[in-house]
Structures are given as structure tokens and as C-alpha cells.
N, C-alpha and C. Protein backbone atom coordinates (compact mmCIF):
# COMPACT_ATOMS: atom_id res chain seq x y z
N MET A 1 92.78 83.23 117.82
CA MET A 1 91.98 83.15 116.54
C MET A 1 91.04 84.33 116.12
N LYS A 2 91.54 84.93 115.04
CA LYS A 2 90.80 86.13 114.59
C LYS A 2 89.87 85.59 113.49
N ALA A 3 88.54 86.15 113.48
CA ALA A 3 87.54 85.80 112.58
C ALA A 3 88.18 86.00 111.28
N ASN A 4 87.91 84.93 110.25
CA ASN A 4 88.34 85.16 108.92
C ASN A 4 87.27 84.77 107.89
N VAL A 5 86.10 84.26 108.47
CA VAL A 5 84.86 83.90 107.60
C VAL A 5 83.81 85.05 107.83
N GLY A 6 83.38 85.60 106.46
CA GLY A 6 82.51 86.63 106.53
C GLY A 6 81.20 86.16 106.56
N SER A 7 80.09 87.07 106.46
CA SER A 7 78.67 86.79 106.79
C SER A 7 78.14 85.84 105.66
N LEU A 8 78.28 86.04 104.45
CA LEU A 8 77.69 85.21 103.45
C LEU A 8 78.44 83.80 103.42
N ASP A 9 79.71 83.85 103.51
CA ASP A 9 80.54 82.67 103.79
C ASP A 9 80.02 81.73 104.86
N ARG A 10 79.75 82.52 106.01
CA ARG A 10 79.46 81.86 107.45
C ARG A 10 77.98 81.26 107.19
N THR A 11 76.98 81.75 106.55
CA THR A 11 75.70 81.45 106.32
C THR A 11 75.67 80.14 105.30
N LEU A 12 76.54 80.28 104.31
CA LEU A 12 76.59 79.07 103.35
C LEU A 12 77.25 77.85 104.13
N ARG A 13 78.16 78.17 104.83
CA ARG A 13 78.95 76.93 105.68
C ARG A 13 78.05 76.30 106.65
N ILE A 14 77.32 77.13 107.44
CA ILE A 14 76.36 76.69 108.48
C ILE A 14 75.16 75.77 107.70
N ALA A 15 74.50 76.44 106.68
CA ALA A 15 73.62 75.67 105.86
C ALA A 15 74.06 74.25 105.32
N ALA A 16 75.22 74.36 104.70
CA ALA A 16 75.71 73.30 104.04
C ALA A 16 76.08 72.08 105.01
N GLY A 17 76.60 72.71 106.09
CA GLY A 17 76.91 71.56 107.34
C GLY A 17 75.69 71.01 107.86
N VAL A 18 74.52 71.73 108.13
CA VAL A 18 73.37 71.18 108.55
C VAL A 18 72.79 70.36 107.65
N ILE A 19 72.60 70.65 106.31
CA ILE A 19 72.14 69.80 105.36
C ILE A 19 72.77 68.57 105.23
N LEU A 20 74.19 68.59 105.20
CA LEU A 20 75.03 67.24 105.17
C LEU A 20 74.71 66.27 106.40
N ILE A 21 74.53 66.94 107.65
CA ILE A 21 74.39 66.25 108.83
C ILE A 21 72.98 65.56 108.90
N LEU A 22 71.90 66.39 108.37
CA LEU A 22 70.56 65.91 108.30
C LEU A 22 70.51 64.67 107.32
N LEU A 23 71.25 64.95 106.15
CA LEU A 23 71.07 63.77 105.16
C LEU A 23 71.74 62.60 105.61
N ALA A 24 72.72 62.66 106.41
CA ALA A 24 73.46 61.49 107.08
C ALA A 24 72.52 60.93 108.01
N LEU A 25 71.90 61.73 108.90
CA LEU A 25 71.03 61.23 110.02
C LEU A 25 69.79 60.50 109.24
N ALA A 26 69.19 60.95 108.10
CA ALA A 26 68.08 60.25 107.54
C ALA A 26 68.51 59.14 106.61
N GLN A 27 69.79 58.84 106.40
CA GLN A 27 70.43 57.92 105.86
C GLN A 27 70.19 58.00 104.28
N VAL A 28 70.18 59.16 103.87
CA VAL A 28 69.98 59.48 102.34
C VAL A 28 71.31 59.46 101.85
N ILE A 29 72.15 59.93 102.53
CA ILE A 29 73.55 59.71 102.03
C ILE A 29 74.47 58.79 103.04
N GLY A 30 75.59 58.38 102.75
CA GLY A 30 76.35 57.44 103.73
C GLY A 30 76.83 58.23 104.82
N PRO A 31 77.68 57.64 105.72
CA PRO A 31 78.26 58.23 106.84
C PRO A 31 79.31 59.45 106.55
N TRP A 32 79.62 59.53 105.22
CA TRP A 32 80.54 60.70 104.92
C TRP A 32 79.84 61.92 105.04
N GLY A 33 78.54 62.09 105.27
CA GLY A 33 77.82 63.31 105.45
C GLY A 33 78.15 63.83 106.72
N TRP A 34 78.60 63.10 107.62
CA TRP A 34 79.16 63.60 108.95
C TRP A 34 80.22 64.71 108.87
N ILE A 35 80.89 64.75 107.57
CA ILE A 35 81.82 65.82 107.22
C ILE A 35 81.31 67.00 107.33
N GLY A 36 79.98 67.24 107.47
CA GLY A 36 79.31 68.47 107.57
C GLY A 36 79.63 69.18 108.76
N ILE A 37 80.04 68.51 109.69
CA ILE A 37 80.54 69.06 111.08
C ILE A 37 81.53 70.06 110.90
N VAL A 38 82.47 69.89 109.95
CA VAL A 38 83.49 70.79 109.60
C VAL A 38 83.19 72.23 109.18
N PRO A 39 82.25 72.36 108.00
CA PRO A 39 81.76 73.62 107.66
C PRO A 39 80.89 74.19 108.82
N LEU A 40 80.08 73.44 109.52
CA LEU A 40 79.13 73.87 110.63
C LEU A 40 79.96 74.57 111.57
N LEU A 41 81.05 74.00 112.10
CA LEU A 41 81.93 74.45 113.27
C LEU A 41 82.67 75.83 112.68
N THR A 42 83.27 75.61 111.31
CA THR A 42 83.93 76.88 110.98
C THR A 42 83.02 78.01 110.79
N GLY A 43 81.78 77.88 110.47
CA GLY A 43 80.66 78.74 110.35
C GLY A 43 80.28 79.46 111.61
N VAL A 44 80.12 78.47 112.59
CA VAL A 44 79.77 79.03 113.91
C VAL A 44 80.90 79.74 114.56
N PHE A 45 82.16 79.31 114.54
CA PHE A 45 83.17 79.98 115.12
C PHE A 45 83.89 81.12 114.31
N ARG A 46 83.39 81.41 113.02
CA ARG A 46 83.86 82.34 112.00
C ARG A 46 85.33 82.22 111.78
N PHE A 47 85.89 81.06 112.00
CA PHE A 47 87.38 80.76 111.76
C PHE A 47 87.53 79.51 110.98
N CYS A 48 88.34 79.75 109.89
CA CYS A 48 88.74 78.62 109.05
C CYS A 48 90.23 78.36 109.09
N PRO A 49 90.80 77.37 109.65
CA PRO A 49 92.25 77.10 109.63
C PRO A 49 92.79 77.06 108.28
N ALA A 50 92.23 76.64 107.18
CA ALA A 50 92.62 76.61 105.88
C ALA A 50 92.71 78.17 105.31
N TYR A 51 91.76 78.85 105.64
CA TYR A 51 91.91 80.33 105.22
C TYR A 51 93.16 80.96 105.82
N SER A 52 93.40 80.70 107.08
CA SER A 52 94.63 81.06 107.63
C SER A 52 95.92 80.84 106.97
N LEU A 53 96.06 79.49 106.61
CA LEU A 53 97.12 78.98 105.84
C LEU A 53 97.33 79.58 104.55
N LEU A 54 96.26 79.92 103.90
CA LEU A 54 96.04 80.31 102.66
C LEU A 54 96.16 81.93 102.54
N GLY A 55 95.95 82.57 103.74
CA GLY A 55 95.96 84.13 103.72
C GLY A 55 94.56 84.61 103.25
N VAL A 56 93.57 83.80 103.12
CA VAL A 56 92.19 84.24 102.80
C VAL A 56 91.53 84.80 103.92
N ARG A 57 90.51 85.80 103.73
CA ARG A 57 89.85 86.46 104.61
C ARG A 57 88.54 86.93 103.85
N THR A 58 87.37 86.38 104.23
CA THR A 58 86.14 86.86 103.63
C THR A 58 85.33 87.95 104.44
N CYS A 59 85.85 88.10 105.49
CA CYS A 59 85.05 89.06 106.49
C CYS A 59 85.73 90.56 106.26
N LYS A 60 85.03 91.54 106.85
CA LYS A 60 85.69 92.92 106.80
C LYS A 60 86.59 93.03 107.82
N VAL A 61 87.46 93.90 107.46
CA VAL A 61 88.55 94.19 108.46
C VAL A 61 88.10 95.62 109.12
N ASP A 62 87.98 95.53 110.41
CA ASP A 62 87.59 96.83 111.04
C ASP A 62 88.93 97.60 111.46
N ALA A 63 88.82 98.87 111.69
CA ALA A 63 90.08 99.73 112.11
C ALA A 63 90.88 99.33 113.10
N THR A 64 90.30 98.52 114.18
CA THR A 64 91.03 98.00 115.22
C THR A 64 91.98 96.90 114.83
N GLN A 65 91.55 96.22 113.88
CA GLN A 65 92.27 94.98 113.58
C GLN A 65 93.36 95.35 112.47
N GLU A 66 93.18 96.48 111.70
CA GLU A 66 94.06 96.72 110.49
C GLU A 66 95.51 97.28 111.07
N GLY A 67 95.53 97.91 112.21
CA GLY A 67 96.58 98.42 112.79
C GLY A 67 97.37 97.24 113.37
N SER A 68 96.88 96.13 113.73
CA SER A 68 97.49 94.95 114.54
C SER A 68 98.14 93.98 113.70
N HIS A 69 98.31 94.31 112.44
CA HIS A 69 98.97 93.26 111.51
C HIS A 69 100.46 93.85 111.30
């Protein structure tokens, strides 16, 4: 798994995930708020399977990764 989620993307994913989970715990929104686990985990691990399938990458490519493609 190579990182494909950049810094801003990562921050937004973690924030959205935490907010959704907290709202679900507080019963402000229904149980669908637990879907916040998905953006939280993709932000923490800096890897999004959907990005891989679509060929999207929001993080910078360093010199060591450029040659390996």
C-alpha cells in the first residue's frame, strides 16, 4: 500500500470521520454516522482504495517513488 492521500485530504478525512462518529454517538444523527469510520481509517493510513482504482493521488510523489512506477 503506497500512500495516495495528501496532507490536506488526510486532515479533512480525519475531521469528517471523527465528526460523523461523534454525532452518531451523541444520537444527533442515525446509525449511518458510523460510516465515518471509513474516512477516518483512510486518513489515518493515508491510503484510499477508491483512489487507487481511479488513479488519483493527492500526496506529493518523492524521488524514490517516481522511479518505481
